[in-house]
Amino acid sequence: MKDIFESIVTPPGYSEHEWQARIELALCYRMVDYYGWTTQVYNHISYRIPGTDHLLINAFGLLYSEITPSNLVKIDFDGNKLDDSPFPINKAGNVIHTAIHKGRPDIHCVMHTHNTDLQAVSALECGFIPLFQEAYMFHDRIGYHPFEGIVLDATEQERLVESIGIDNHTLMLNNHGVITTGLMCHGHSCECTKLYKAVRFS
């Protein structure tokens, strides 16, 4: 974890807000890796830099355990890279994250995973069942999106936004995985932990 805190002082070329966002997002990636929610170099987490329409997302090809504040890639809402990162970004990640951030400006952090338990629930006709108290925080807060294959077509963006709706913070991708959202990386991480625990009993 030492490499996460590459510099407490904001390095040249970054605003204070951007550098803090990079640290928080890199920590979120490491947390997901710690809990074993990763799928090699696939899946993605994005975070909006406060006060901007710019997003930070992982460089495609790096394991979550390799993510640091400085190797995160900055993009705009059209998926264009805004820095000189030598790495590409995952095309599906581009489509999913720019869609949610554009369509739901109240959301600042978006995570897409293929957690095994969540994938199993995403394939159930009944969907997620809140069976105990902690799980009830997700009652009527989950949208569902029909399977359309790997999310590579920009025409699916509008349908993704329609599926998550204006109030939901979670979107179950049927027979695929899940998209979870939040205002801040750290608070979002706590909610994800509760969701992943809840689906084991669903």
C-alpha atoms as a PDB file:
ATOM      1  CA  MET A   1       0.000   0.000   0.000  1.00  0.00           C
ATOM      2  CA  LYS A   2       2.994   2.315   0.372  1.00  0.00           C
ATOM      3  CA  ASP A   3       2.958   3.149  -3.336  1.00  0.00           C
ATOM      4  CA  ILE A   4      -0.587   4.536  -3.008  1.00  0.00           C
ATOM      5  CA  PHE A   5       0.778   7.454  -1.039  1.00  0.00           C
ATOM      6  CA  GLU A   6       3.360   8.398  -3.655  1.00  0.00           C
ATOM      7  CA  SER A   7       3.269  11.949  -2.399  1.00  0.00           C
ATOM      8  CA  ILE A   8       1.265  13.600   0.355  1.00  0.00           C
ATOM      9  CA  VAL A   9       2.080  16.942  -1.262  1.00  0.00           C
ATOM     10  CA  THR A  10       0.240  17.526  -4.539  1.00  0.00           C
ATOM     11  CA  PRO A  11       2.750  16.907  -7.377  1.00  0.00           C
ATOM     12  CA  PRO A  12       3.228  19.436 -10.195  1.00  0.00           C
ATOM     13  CA  GLY A  13       0.628  19.185 -12.941  1.00  0.00           C
ATOM     14  CA  TYR A  14      -2.268  18.239 -10.666  1.00  0.00           C
ATOM     15  CA  SER A  15      -4.796  20.320  -8.802  1.00  0.00           C
ATOM     16  CA  GLU A  16      -5.237  19.535  -5.121  1.00  0.00           C
ATOM     17  CA  HIS A  17      -8.731  18.176  -5.832  1.00  0.00           C
ATOM     18  CA  GLU A  18      -7.493  15.918  -8.618  1.00  0.00           C
ATOM     19  CA  TRP A  19      -4.610  14.486  -6.607  1.00  0.00           C
ATOM     20  CA  GLN A  20      -6.861  13.756  -3.634  1.00  0.00           C
ATOM     21  CA  ALA A  21      -9.344  12.069  -5.976  1.00  0.00           C
ATOM     22  CA  ARG A  22      -6.529   9.962  -7.438  1.00  0.00           C
ATOM     23  CA  ILE A  23      -5.456   8.806  -3.972  1.00  0.00           C
ATOM     24  CA  GLU A  24      -9.020   7.922  -2.964  1.00  0.00           C
ATOM     25  CA  LEU A  25      -9.710   6.007  -6.179  1.00  0.00           C
ATOM     26  CA  ALA A  26      -6.408   4.112  -6.035  1.00  0.00           C
ATOM     27  CA  LEU A  27      -7.263   3.060  -2.465  1.00  0.00           C
ATOM     28  CA  CYS A  28     -10.663   1.877  -3.690  1.00  0.00           C
ATOM     29  CA  TYR A  29      -8.990  -0.328  -6.309  1.00  0.00           C
ATOM     30  CA  ARG A  30      -6.731  -1.841  -3.666  1.00  0.00           C
ATOM     31  CA  MET A  31      -9.721  -2.525  -1.404  1.00  0.00           C
ATOM     32  CA  VAL A  32     -11.517  -4.348  -4.226  1.00  0.00           C
ATOM     33  CA  ASP A  33      -8.351  -6.362  -4.858  1.00  0.00           C
ATOM     34  CA  TYR A  34      -8.039  -7.174  -1.133  1.00  0.00           C
ATOM     35  CA  TYR A  35     -11.574  -8.588  -1.031  1.00  0.00           C
ATOM     36  CA  GLY A  36     -11.010 -10.637  -4.190  1.00  0.00           C
ATOM     37  CA  TRP A  37     -13.684  -8.927  -6.278  1.00  0.00           C
ATOM     38  CA  THR A  38     -11.424  -8.543  -9.321  1.00  0.00           C
ATOM     39  CA  THR A  39     -11.383 -10.301 -12.696  1.00  0.00           C
ATOM     40  CA  GLN A  40      -7.709  -9.972 -13.664  1.00  0.00           C
ATOM     41  CA  VAL A  41      -7.298  -6.670 -15.543  1.00  0.00           C
ATOM     42  CA  TYR A  42     -10.986  -6.401 -16.401  1.00  0.00           C
ATOM     43  CA  ASN A  43     -13.788  -4.408 -14.755  1.00  0.00           C
ATOM     44  CA  HIS A  44     -13.402  -0.813 -13.689  1.00  0.00           C
ATOM     45  CA  ILE A  45     -14.034   1.900 -11.119  1.00  0.00           C
ATOM     46  CA  SER A  46     -14.303   5.586 -12.000  1.00  0.00           C
ATOM     47  CA  TYR A  47     -14.384   8.758  -9.938  1.00  0.00           C
ATOM     48  CA  ARG A  48     -15.387  12.248 -11.013  1.00  0.00           C
ATOM     49  CA  ILE A  49     -12.799  14.907 -10.155  1.00  0.00           C
ATOM     50  CA  PRO A  50     -14.720  17.366  -7.932  1.00  0.00           C
ATOM     51  CA  GLY A  51     -15.930  20.482  -9.722  1.00  0.00           C
ATOM     52  CA  THR A  52     -15.215  19.121 -13.206  1.00  0.00           C
ATOM     53  CA  ASP A  53     -16.655  16.926 -15.952  1.00  0.00           C
ATOM     54  CA  HIS A  54     -13.491  14.827 -15.938  1.00  0.00           C
ATOM     55  CA  LEU A  55     -13.255  11.235 -14.744  1.00  0.00           C
ATOM     56  CA  LEU A  56     -10.458   9.050 -13.447  1.00  0.00           C
ATOM     57  CA  ILE A  57     -10.435   5.372 -14.439  1.00  0.00           C
ATOM     58  CA  ASN A  58      -7.973   2.483 -14.465  1.00  0.00           C
ATOM     59  CA  ALA A  59      -5.471   1.980 -17.250  1.00  0.00           C
ATOM     60  CA  PHE A  60      -6.363  -1.180 -19.183  1.00  0.00           C
ATOM     61  CA  GLY A  61      -3.749  -3.881 -18.706  1.00  0.00           C
ATOM     62  CA  LEU A  62      -2.910  -3.197 -15.065  1.00  0.00           C
ATOM     63  CA  LEU A  63      -4.030  -5.437 -12.219  1.00  0.00           C
ATOM     64  CA  TYR A  64      -5.952  -3.723  -9.433  1.00  0.00           C
ATOM     65  CA  SER A  65      -2.959  -4.386  -7.176  1.00  0.00           C
ATOM     66  CA  GLU A  66      -0.860  -2.252  -9.547  1.00  0.00           C
ATOM     67  CA  ILE A  67      -3.119   0.813  -9.560  1.00  0.00           C
ATOM     68  CA  THR A  68      -1.523   3.966  -8.133  1.00  0.00           C
ATOM     69  CA  PRO A  69      -2.663   7.601  -8.088  1.00  0.00           C
ATOM     70  CA  SER A  70      -0.365   8.563 -10.952  1.00  0.00           C
ATOM     71  CA  ASN A  71      -1.220   5.738 -13.374  1.00  0.00           C
ATOM     72  CA  LEU A  72      -4.966   6.375 -13.308  1.00  0.00           C
ATOM     73  CA  VAL A  73      -6.180   7.802 -16.622  1.00  0.00           C
ATOM     74  CA  LYS A  74      -8.128  11.068 -16.866  1.00  0.00           C
ATOM     75  CA  ILE A  75     -10.899  11.172 -19.479  1.00  0.00           C
ATOM     76  CA  ASP A  76     -13.790  13.451 -20.424  1.00  0.00           C
ATOM     77  CA  PHE A  77     -17.451  12.489 -20.803  1.00  0.00           C
ATOM     78  CA  ASP A  78     -16.814  11.471 -24.414  1.00  0.00           C
ATOM     79  CA  GLY A  79     -14.121   9.023 -23.353  1.00  0.00           C
ATOM     80  CA  ASN A  80     -11.213  11.112 -24.672  1.00  0.00           C
ATOM     81  CA  LYS A  81      -7.954  10.834 -22.747  1.00  0.00           C
ATOM     82  CA  LEU A  82      -6.892  14.116 -21.182  1.00  0.00           C
ATOM     83  CA  ASP A  83      -3.405  13.136 -20.072  1.00  0.00           C
ATOM     84  CA  ASP A  84      -0.337  11.532 -21.628  1.00  0.00           C
ATOM     85  CA  SER A  85      -0.879   8.057 -20.176  1.00  0.00           C
ATOM     86  CA  PRO A  86       0.711   5.391 -22.404  1.00  0.00           C
ATOM     87  CA  PHE A  87      -2.080   2.979 -21.478  1.00  0.00           C
ATOM     88  CA  PRO A  88      -5.433   2.563 -23.220  1.00  0.00           C
ATOM     89  CA  ILE A  89      -8.709   2.339 -21.319  1.00  0.00           C
ATOM     90  CA  ASN A  90     -11.150  -0.539 -21.483  1.00  0.00           C
ATOM     91  CA  LYS A  91     -13.732   0.235 -24.199  1.00  0.00           C
ATOM     92  CA  ALA A  92     -16.595  -1.284 -22.207  1.00  0.00           C
ATOM     93  CA  GLY A  93     -15.479   0.752 -19.206  1.00  0.00           C
ATOM     94  CA  ASN A  94     -15.556   3.877 -21.329  1.00  0.00           C
ATOM     95  CA  VAL A  95     -19.132   3.213 -22.488  1.00  0.00           C
ATOM     96  CA  ILE A  96     -20.483   2.259 -19.047  1.00  0.00           C
ATOM     97  CA  HIS A  97     -18.862   4.936 -16.925  1.00  0.00           C
ATOM     98  CA  THR A  98     -19.322   7.933 -19.190  1.00  0.00           C
ATOM     99  CA  ALA A  99     -22.996   6.964 -19.581  1.00  0.00           C
ATOM    100  CA  ILE A 100     -23.684   6.821 -15.838  1.00  0.00           C
ATOM    101  CA  HIS A 101     -21.708   9.957 -15.001  1.00  0.00           C
ATOM    102  CA  LYS A 102     -23.381  11.969 -17.767  1.00  0.00           C
ATOM    103  CA  GLY A 103     -26.851  10.662 -17.043  1.00  0.00           C
ATOM    104  CA  ARG A 104     -26.634  10.937 -13.253  1.00  0.00           C
ATOM    105  CA  PRO A 105     -24.674  14.056 -12.226  1.00  0.00           C
ATOM    106  CA  ASP A 106     -25.483  13.272  -8.577  1.00  0.00           C
ATOM    107  CA  ILE A 107     -23.202  10.226  -8.825  1.00  0.00           C
ATOM    108  CA  HIS A 108     -19.449  10.695  -8.425  1.00  0.00           C
ATOM    109  CA  CYS A 109     -18.133   7.136  -8.077  1.00  0.00           C
ATOM    110  CA  VAL A 110     -19.078   4.181 -10.306  1.00  0.00           C
ATOM    111  CA  MET A 111     -17.888   0.592  -9.864  1.00  0.00           C
ATOM    112  CA  HIS A 112     -18.480  -2.328 -12.231  1.00  0.00           C
ATOM    113  CA  THR A 113     -17.546  -5.823 -11.065  1.00  0.00           C
ATOM    114  CA  HIS A 114     -18.149  -9.464 -11.910  1.00  0.00           C
ATOM    115  CA  ASN A 115     -18.222 -10.694  -8.315  1.00  0.00           C
ATOM    116  CA  THR A 116     -19.238 -14.379  -8.450  1.00  0.00           C
ATOM    117  CA  ASP A 117     -22.123 -14.097  -5.964  1.00  0.00           C
ATOM    118  CA  LEU A 118     -23.484 -10.999  -7.696  1.00  0.00           C
ATOM    119  CA  GLN A 119     -23.284 -12.678 -11.086  1.00  0.00           C
ATOM    120  CA  ALA A 120     -25.335 -15.562  -9.708  1.00  0.00           C
ATOM    121  CA  VAL A 121     -28.002 -13.161  -8.406  1.00  0.00           C
ATOM    122  CA  SER A 122     -27.988 -11.269 -11.717  1.00  0.00           C
ATOM    123  CA  ALA A 123     -29.054 -14.498 -13.422  1.00  0.00           C
ATOM    124  CA  LEU A 124     -32.046 -15.076 -11.116  1.00  0.00           C
ATOM    125  CA  GLU A 125     -35.490 -14.213 -12.450  1.00  0.00           C
ATOM    126  CA  CYS A 126     -36.488 -12.910  -9.004  1.00  0.00           C
ATOM    127  CA  GLY A 127     -33.408 -10.689  -8.748  1.00  0.00           C
ATOM    128  CA  PHE A 128     -31.987  -9.537  -5.424  1.00  0.00           C
ATOM    129  CA  ILE A 129     -33.990 -10.485  -2.311  1.00  0.00           C
ATOM    130  CA  PRO A 130     -33.295  -8.426   0.852  1.00  0.00           C
ATOM    131  CA  LEU A 131     -33.478 -11.120   3.517  1.00  0.00           C
ATOM    132  CA  PHE A 132     -32.048  -9.287   6.535  1.00  0.00           C
ATOM    133  CA  GLN A 133     -31.632  -5.817   7.989  1.00  0.00           C
ATOM    134  CA  GLU A 134     -28.408  -4.750   6.260  1.00  0.00           C
ATOM    135  CA  ALA A 135     -29.753  -5.958   2.928  1.00  0.00           C
ATOM    136  CA  TYR A 136     -32.887  -3.856   3.280  1.00  0.00           C
ATOM    137  CA  MET A 137     -30.965  -0.674   2.474  1.00  0.00           C
ATOM    138  CA  PHE A 138     -30.989  -1.970  -1.117  1.00  0.00           C
ATOM    139  CA  HIS A 139     -34.749  -2.577  -1.214  1.00  0.00           C
ATOM    140  CA  ASP A 140     -36.261  -0.646  -4.123  1.00  0.00           C
ATOM    141  CA  ARG A 141     -32.831   0.887  -4.807  1.00  0.00           C
ATOM    142  CA  ILE A 142     -31.680  -1.568  -7.489  1.00  0.00           C
ATOM    143  CA  GLY A 143     -32.372  -1.209 -11.203  1.00  0.00           C
ATOM    144  CA  TYR A 144     -32.143  -4.079 -13.686  1.00  0.00           C
ATOM    145  CA  HIS A 145     -30.740  -4.008 -17.210  1.00  0.00           C
ATOM    146  CA  PRO A 146     -31.310  -6.814 -19.762  1.00  0.00           C
ATOM    147  CA  PHE A 147     -28.276  -8.570 -21.178  1.00  0.00           C
ATOM    148  CA  GLU A 148     -27.107  -7.095 -24.493  1.00  0.00           C
ATOM    149  CA  GLY A 149     -23.662  -8.671 -24.643  1.00  0.00           C
ATOM    150  CA  ILE A 150     -20.382  -6.935 -23.806  1.00  0.00           C
ATOM    151  CA  VAL A 151     -21.131  -3.234 -23.417  1.00  0.00           C
ATOM    152  CA  LEU A 152     -19.245  -1.839 -26.406  1.00  0.00           C
ATOM    153  CA  ASP A 153     -21.971  -0.010 -28.327  1.00  0.00           C
ATOM    154  CA  ALA A 154     -22.518   3.635 -27.398  1.00  0.00           C
ATOM    155  CA  THR A 155     -26.188   3.260 -28.329  1.00  0.00           C
ATOM    156  CA  GLU A 156     -26.627   1.212 -25.133  1.00  0.00           C
ATOM    157  CA  GLN A 157     -25.674   4.192 -22.966  1.00  0.00           C
ATOM    158  CA  GLU A 158     -29.138   5.733 -22.968  1.00  0.00           C
ATOM    159  CA  ARG A 159     -30.684   2.396 -22.008  1.00  0.00           C
ATOM    160  CA  LEU A 160     -28.217   1.960 -19.136  1.00  0.00           C
ATOM    161  CA  VAL A 161     -29.222   5.341 -17.725  1.00  0.00           C
ATOM    162  CA  GLU A 162     -32.908   4.510 -18.128  1.00  0.00           C
ATOM    163  CA  SER A 163     -32.376   1.200 -16.322  1.00  0.00           C
ATOM    164  CA  ILE A 164     -30.649   2.686 -13.282  1.00  0.00           C
ATOM    165  CA  GLY A 165     -33.321   5.389 -13.062  1.00  0.00           C
ATOM    166  CA  ILE A 166     -33.159   8.647 -11.119  1.00  0.00           C
ATOM    167  CA  ASP A 167     -33.073   7.243  -7.569  1.00  0.00           C
ATOM    168  CA  ASN A 168     -31.308   3.870  -7.669  1.00  0.00           C
ATOM    169  CA  HIS A 169     -27.685   3.560  -6.603  1.00  0.00           C
ATOM    170  CA  THR A 170     -27.198   0.015  -7.958  1.00  0.00           C
ATOM    171  CA  LEU A 171     -27.773  -1.484 -11.398  1.00  0.00           C
ATOM    172  CA  MET A 172     -27.901  -5.249 -11.813  1.00  0.00           C
ATOM    173  CA  LEU A 173     -26.770  -6.244 -15.308  1.00  0.00           C
ATOM    174  CA  ASN A 174     -28.724  -9.424 -15.977  1.00  0.00           C
ATOM    175  CA  ASN A 175     -26.503 -12.484 -16.557  1.00  0.00           C
ATOM    176  CA  HIS A 176     -23.462 -10.213 -16.428  1.00  0.00           C
ATOM    177  CA  GLY A 177     -22.540  -8.396 -13.198  1.00  0.00           C
ATOM    178  CA  VAL A 178     -23.341  -5.235 -11.284  1.00  0.00           C
ATOM    179  CA  ILE A 179     -22.789  -1.486 -11.354  1.00  0.00           C
ATOM    180  CA  THR A 180     -22.725   0.223  -7.966  1.00  0.00           C
ATOM    181  CA  THR A 181     -22.523   3.968  -7.439  1.00  0.00           C
ATOM    182  CA  GLY A 182     -21.931   6.534  -4.738  1.00  0.00           C
ATOM    183  CA  LEU A 183     -20.956  10.082  -3.880  1.00  0.00           C
ATOM    184  CA  MET A 184     -17.482   9.340  -2.516  1.00  0.00           C
ATOM    185  CA  CYS A 185     -15.076   6.442  -2.958  1.00  0.00           C
ATOM    186  CA  HIS A 186     -14.812   5.613   0.751  1.00  0.00           C
ATOM    187  CA  GLY A 187     -18.557   5.690   1.444  1.00  0.00           C
ATOM    188  CA  HIS A 188     -19.238   3.770  -1.741  1.00  0.00           C
ATOM    189  CA  SER A 189     -16.770   1.084  -0.676  1.00  0.00           C
ATOM    190  CA  CYS A 190     -18.672   0.530   2.570  1.00  0.00           C
ATOM    191  CA  GLU A 191     -21.973   0.154   0.707  1.00  0.00           C
ATOM    192  CA  CYS A 192     -20.402  -2.326  -1.717  1.00  0.00           C
ATOM    193  CA  THR A 193     -19.185  -4.434   1.197  1.00  0.00           C
ATOM    194  CA  LYS A 194     -22.751  -4.585   2.549  1.00  0.00           C
ATOM    195  CA  LEU A 195     -24.187  -5.462  -0.863  1.00  0.00           C
ATOM    196  CA  TYR A 196     -21.674  -8.229  -1.497  1.00  0.00           C
ATOM    197  CA  LYS A 197     -22.415  -9.676   1.940  1.00  0.00           C
ATOM    198  CA  ALA A 198     -26.162  -9.450   1.320  1.00  0.00           C
ATOM    199  CA  VAL A 199     -26.140 -11.311  -2.007  1.00  0.00           C
ATOM    200  CA  ARG A 200     -24.615 -14.381  -0.383  1.00  0.00           C
ATOM    201  CA  PHE A 201     -27.965 -14.929   1.338  1.00  0.00           C
ATOM    202  CA  SER A 202     -30.204 -13.793  -1.523  1.00  0.00           C
END
